[in-house]
Protein backbone atom coordinates (compact mmCIF):
# COMPACT_ATOMS: atom_id res chain seq x y z
CA MET A 1 87.00 113.74 50.28
CA ALA A 2 90.77 113.88 50.70
CA ASN A 3 90.49 117.47 51.86
CA GLN A 4 88.02 116.46 54.59
CA ALA A 5 90.42 113.73 55.79
CA GLU A 6 93.26 116.26 55.88
CA ASP A 7 91.09 118.68 57.88
CA GLU A 8 90.20 115.92 60.34
CA THR A 9 93.81 114.83 60.81
CA GLN A 10 94.80 118.48 61.26
CA GLU A 11 92.13 118.76 63.97
CA ILE A 12 93.64 115.75 65.75
CA GLN A 13 97.09 117.37 65.58
CA THR A 14 95.73 120.70 66.84
CA LYS A 15 93.99 119.04 69.80
CA TYR A 16 97.07 116.97 70.59
CA ASP A 17 99.20 120.12 70.56
CA ALA A 18 96.71 121.73 72.98
CA PHE A 19 96.96 118.63 75.20
CA GLN A 20 100.76 118.90 75.18
CA LYS A 21 100.60 122.58 76.12
CA ALA A 22 98.13 121.85 78.94
CA CYS A 23 100.44 119.11 80.29
CA LYS A 24 103.41 121.50 80.30
CA THR A 25 101.37 124.23 81.99
CA ILE A 26 99.39 122.22 84.54
CA LEU A 27 101.77 119.30 85.27
CA PRO A 28 105.22 120.64 84.29
CA LYS A 29 107.19 118.16 86.42
CA ILE A 30 105.25 115.06 85.32
CA ASP A 31 106.43 112.95 82.39
CA ARG A 32 104.03 113.62 79.52
CA LYS A 33 103.99 109.93 78.56
CA LEU A 34 102.72 109.07 82.04
CA VAL A 35 99.86 111.55 81.65
CA GLU A 36 99.04 110.12 78.21
CA ASP A 37 99.11 106.57 79.58
CA PHE A 38 96.96 107.56 82.55
CA VAL A 39 94.32 109.27 80.38
CA TYR A 40 94.29 106.33 77.94
CA ARG A 41 93.93 103.73 80.71
CA GLN A 42 91.21 105.73 82.45
CA HIS A 43 89.36 106.09 79.16
CA GLU A 44 89.59 102.33 78.53
CA ASP A 45 88.09 101.56 81.95
CA PRO A 46 85.94 104.55 82.97
CA GLY A 47 85.18 105.04 86.64
CA THR A 48 88.38 103.39 87.86
CA ASN A 49 91.79 104.74 88.68
CA PRO A 50 94.76 102.95 87.11
CA MET A 51 97.23 101.08 89.32
CA TYR A 52 100.86 102.16 89.08
CA SER A 53 104.10 101.22 90.76
CA LEU A 54 105.35 104.37 92.51
CA GLU A 55 109.08 104.43 93.16
CA VAL A 56 111.17 106.97 95.04
CA THR A 57 114.94 107.03 95.41
CA THR A 58 116.52 109.07 98.21
CA LYS A 59 119.97 109.82 99.58
CA GLU A 60 121.53 107.55 102.18
CA GLY A 61 121.27 108.66 105.78
CA LEU A 62 117.73 110.03 105.72
CA ASP A 63 115.32 108.98 108.45
CA THR A 64 113.51 106.02 106.86
CA GLN A 65 110.80 106.07 109.53
CA LYS A 66 109.91 109.67 108.71
CA ILE A 67 109.76 108.80 105.01
CA LYS A 68 107.56 105.75 105.69
CA ASP A 69 105.29 107.89 107.89
CA LEU A 70 105.01 110.52 105.15
CA ILE A 71 104.09 107.91 102.54
CA TRP A 72 101.59 106.36 104.94
CA SER A 73 99.99 109.75 105.66
CA LYS A 74 99.70 110.61 101.95
CA LEU A 75 98.73 107.22 100.48
CA GLY A 76 97.57 105.09 103.39
CA GLU A 77 99.96 102.30 102.43
CA MET A 78 103.39 101.21 103.65
CA PRO A 79 106.15 101.06 101.02
CA ASP A 80 108.68 98.30 100.39
CA ILE A 81 112.16 99.58 101.22
CA ASP A 82 115.44 98.40 99.67
CA HIS A 83 119.02 99.51 99.04
CA ARG A 84 119.95 100.62 102.53
CA GLY A 85 116.81 102.70 102.91
CA THR A 86 117.26 104.65 99.69
CA TYR A 87 114.61 103.00 97.50
CA TYR A 88 110.88 103.02 98.28
CA ARG A 89 108.24 101.24 96.18
CA ILE A 90 104.47 100.95 96.43
CA GLU A 91 101.68 99.68 94.16
CA HIS A 92 98.91 102.25 94.27
CA LYS A 93 95.88 103.45 92.36
CA ILE A 94 96.34 107.08 91.46
CA THR A 95 94.18 109.89 90.19
CA LEU A 96 95.12 112.60 87.74
CA GLY A 97 94.99 115.05 90.63
CA MET A 98 97.65 113.04 92.48
CA LEU A 99 100.08 113.55 89.61
């Protein structure tokens, strides 16, 4: 019985390692913990996309209107802007494909 439990826990570890490798290969620039959280939340509430706060920090002096237009064209929502036009924030439902 103990051997079966060890085999099952080893299977969990093997599948988790495969998940880690897939994250590094498919989404190399995305924080692995975000992907884990996303998959967990989507599993808990199937058929819905989780809501996240998306935040972007930029350099001073960039054209804030162009940045707002870009965000609008990609997400269909207007961001909140702070810190002299260097911090953009939006609450948005995302999909795994958006990551």
